[in-house]
Amino acid sequence: MIQPQTLLNVADNSGARKLMCIRVIGAAGNQRYAHIGDVIAAVIKDAVPQMPLERSEVI
């Protein structure tokens, strides 16, 4: 389960290394936790140097 303030490791080539969940968007109803397939809003906490994404950018 993913809830706000959860730190996540990123497993793609976007340039972000760590994200922090700030809001659960795509959960059914008014749920506080996200599961597989739900959409969240997150902020980048750590990024790879020389990539277009920067720290503190909301995605």
N, C-alpha and C. Protein backbone atom coordinates (compact mmCIF):
# COMPACT_ATOMS: atom_id res chain seq x y z
N MET A 1 0.84 -1.17 0.00
CA MET A 1 0.00 0.00 0.00
C MET A 1 0.89 1.24 0.00
N ILE A 2 0.45 2.25 -0.73
CA ILE A 2 1.17 3.51 -0.81
C ILE A 2 0.27 4.59 -0.23
N GLN A 3 0.80 5.33 0.72
CA GLN A 3 0.06 6.43 1.32
C GLN A 3 0.89 7.71 1.20
N PRO A 4 0.31 8.88 1.43
CA PRO A 4 1.10 10.12 1.36
C PRO A 4 2.31 10.05 2.29
N GLN A 5 3.42 10.65 1.85
CA GLN A 5 4.71 10.69 2.54
C GLN A 5 5.52 9.40 2.36
N THR A 6 5.05 8.45 1.55
CA THR A 6 5.79 7.22 1.29
C THR A 6 6.89 7.50 0.27
N LEU A 7 8.13 7.07 0.55
CA LEU A 7 9.23 7.20 -0.39
C LEU A 7 9.28 5.96 -1.27
N LEU A 8 9.40 6.17 -2.59
CA LEU A 8 9.38 5.09 -3.56
C LEU A 8 10.64 5.10 -4.40
N ASN A 9 11.18 3.93 -4.70
CA ASN A 9 12.29 3.81 -5.64
C ASN A 9 11.70 3.73 -7.05
N VAL A 10 12.31 4.46 -7.98
CA VAL A 10 11.82 4.51 -9.36
C VAL A 10 12.53 3.45 -10.18
N ALA A 11 11.78 2.70 -10.99
CA ALA A 11 12.34 1.61 -11.78
C ALA A 11 12.16 1.85 -13.28
N ASP A 12 12.43 3.07 -13.74
CA ASP A 12 12.38 3.35 -15.17
C ASP A 12 13.56 4.26 -15.53
N ASN A 13 13.60 4.71 -16.77
CA ASN A 13 14.73 5.51 -17.22
C ASN A 13 14.38 6.99 -17.35
N SER A 14 13.49 7.49 -16.51
CA SER A 14 13.07 8.89 -16.57
C SER A 14 14.12 9.84 -16.01
N GLY A 15 15.01 9.36 -15.17
CA GLY A 15 16.02 10.20 -14.55
C GLY A 15 15.77 10.40 -13.07
N ALA A 16 14.59 10.07 -12.59
CA ALA A 16 14.29 10.17 -11.16
C ALA A 16 14.76 8.90 -10.46
N ARG A 17 15.28 9.05 -9.25
CA ARG A 17 15.71 7.89 -8.46
C ARG A 17 14.73 7.59 -7.34
N LYS A 18 14.28 8.63 -6.64
CA LYS A 18 13.34 8.46 -5.54
C LYS A 18 12.21 9.47 -5.68
N LEU A 19 10.99 9.01 -5.35
CA LEU A 19 9.80 9.85 -5.36
C LEU A 19 9.15 9.80 -3.99
N MET A 20 8.43 10.86 -3.65
CA MET A 20 7.62 10.86 -2.44
C MET A 20 6.17 11.11 -2.84
N CYS A 21 5.30 10.21 -2.46
CA CYS A 21 3.87 10.34 -2.75
C CYS A 21 3.31 11.53 -1.97
N ILE A 22 2.60 12.43 -2.67
CA ILE A 22 1.98 13.55 -1.98
C ILE A 22 0.45 13.48 -2.00
N ARG A 23 -0.12 12.67 -2.89
CA ARG A 23 -1.58 12.55 -2.95
C ARG A 23 -1.97 11.29 -3.71
N VAL A 24 -2.97 10.58 -3.24
CA VAL A 24 -3.54 9.44 -3.95
C VAL A 24 -4.67 9.97 -4.80
N ILE A 25 -4.56 9.81 -6.12
CA ILE A 25 -5.54 10.39 -7.04
C ILE A 25 -6.50 9.33 -7.59
N GLY A 26 -5.97 8.23 -8.08
CA GLY A 26 -6.77 7.28 -8.84
C GLY A 26 -7.36 6.14 -8.06
N ALA A 27 -7.54 6.28 -6.76
CA ALA A 27 -8.13 5.21 -5.98
C ALA A 27 -9.65 5.27 -6.08
N ALA A 28 -10.29 4.12 -5.97
CA ALA A 28 -11.75 4.06 -6.05
C ALA A 28 -12.35 4.69 -4.79
N GLY A 29 -13.23 5.64 -4.97
CA GLY A 29 -13.85 6.30 -3.82
C GLY A 29 -12.89 7.25 -3.15
N ASN A 30 -13.01 7.40 -1.86
CA ASN A 30 -12.17 8.31 -1.10
C ASN A 30 -11.21 7.51 -0.22
N GLN A 31 -10.32 6.76 -0.84
CA GLN A 31 -9.39 5.92 -0.10
C GLN A 31 -8.12 6.68 0.23
N ARG A 32 -7.49 6.31 1.33
CA ARG A 32 -6.25 6.96 1.74
C ARG A 32 -5.02 6.26 1.18
N TYR A 33 -5.17 5.03 0.69
CA TYR A 33 -4.04 4.24 0.23
C TYR A 33 -4.18 3.92 -1.25
N ALA A 34 -3.04 3.85 -1.94
CA ALA A 34 -3.04 3.44 -3.35
C ALA A 34 -2.56 2.00 -3.43
N HIS A 35 -3.09 1.28 -4.37
CA HIS A 35 -2.70 -0.10 -4.64
C HIS A 35 -2.22 -0.18 -6.09
N ILE A 36 -1.97 -1.37 -6.58
CA ILE A 36 -1.52 -1.55 -7.95
C ILE A 36 -2.57 -1.01 -8.91
N GLY A 37 -2.13 -0.18 -9.86
CA GLY A 37 -3.02 0.39 -10.86
C GLY A 37 -3.61 1.74 -10.49
N ASP A 38 -3.44 2.20 -9.26
CA ASP A 38 -3.94 3.50 -8.86
C ASP A 38 -2.94 4.59 -9.25
N VAL A 39 -3.43 5.80 -9.43
CA VAL A 39 -2.61 6.93 -9.83
C VAL A 39 -2.30 7.78 -8.61
N ILE A 40 -1.04 8.23 -8.51
CA ILE A 40 -0.64 9.10 -7.41
C ILE A 40 0.04 10.35 -7.97
N ALA A 41 0.07 11.40 -7.17
CA ALA A 41 0.89 12.58 -7.47
C ALA A 41 2.12 12.46 -6.59
N ALA A 42 3.29 12.74 -7.15
CA ALA A 42 4.53 12.56 -6.40
C ALA A 42 5.50 13.68 -6.72
N VAL A 43 6.44 13.88 -5.82
CA VAL A 43 7.49 14.87 -6.01
C VAL A 43 8.83 14.12 -6.06
N ILE A 44 9.73 14.60 -6.92
CA ILE A 44 11.05 13.96 -7.06
C ILE A 44 11.92 14.36 -5.88
N LYS A 45 12.47 13.40 -5.19
CA LYS A 45 13.36 13.65 -4.06
C LYS A 45 14.83 13.46 -4.42
N ASP A 46 15.12 12.62 -5.42
CA ASP A 46 16.49 12.39 -5.86
C ASP A 46 16.45 12.10 -7.35
N ALA A 47 17.39 12.71 -8.10
CA ALA A 47 17.39 12.54 -9.55
C ALA A 47 18.81 12.29 -10.05
N VAL A 48 18.91 11.67 -11.22
CA VAL A 48 20.19 11.43 -11.86
C VAL A 48 20.71 12.75 -12.42
N PRO A 49 21.99 13.08 -12.22
CA PRO A 49 22.53 14.31 -12.80
C PRO A 49 22.45 14.28 -14.33
N GLN A 50 22.39 15.45 -14.94
CA GLN A 50 22.37 15.61 -16.40
C GLN A 50 21.11 15.05 -17.05
N MET A 51 20.01 15.02 -16.32
CA MET A 51 18.73 14.59 -16.88
C MET A 51 17.75 15.76 -16.82
N PRO A 52 16.71 15.75 -17.65
CA PRO A 52 15.78 16.89 -17.69
C PRO A 52 14.93 17.05 -16.43
N LEU A 53 14.78 16.02 -15.62
CA LEU A 53 14.00 16.12 -14.39
C LEU A 53 14.86 16.70 -13.28
N GLU A 54 14.25 17.53 -12.43
CA GLU A 54 14.98 18.15 -11.33
C GLU A 54 14.33 17.78 -10.01
N ARG A 55 15.09 17.94 -8.94
CA ARG A 55 14.58 17.70 -7.60
C ARG A 55 13.47 18.70 -7.30
N SER A 56 12.48 18.30 -6.55
CA SER A 56 11.32 19.10 -6.14
C SER A 56 10.33 19.35 -7.27
N GLU A 57 10.44 18.64 -8.37
CA GLU A 57 9.48 18.75 -9.47
C GLU A 57 8.33 17.79 -9.21
N VAL A 58 7.10 18.27 -9.33
CA VAL A 58 5.92 17.44 -9.09
C VAL A 58 5.56 16.73 -10.38
N ILE A 59 5.37 15.40 -10.29
CA ILE A 59 4.99 14.62 -11.48
C ILE A 59 3.75 13.81 -11.17
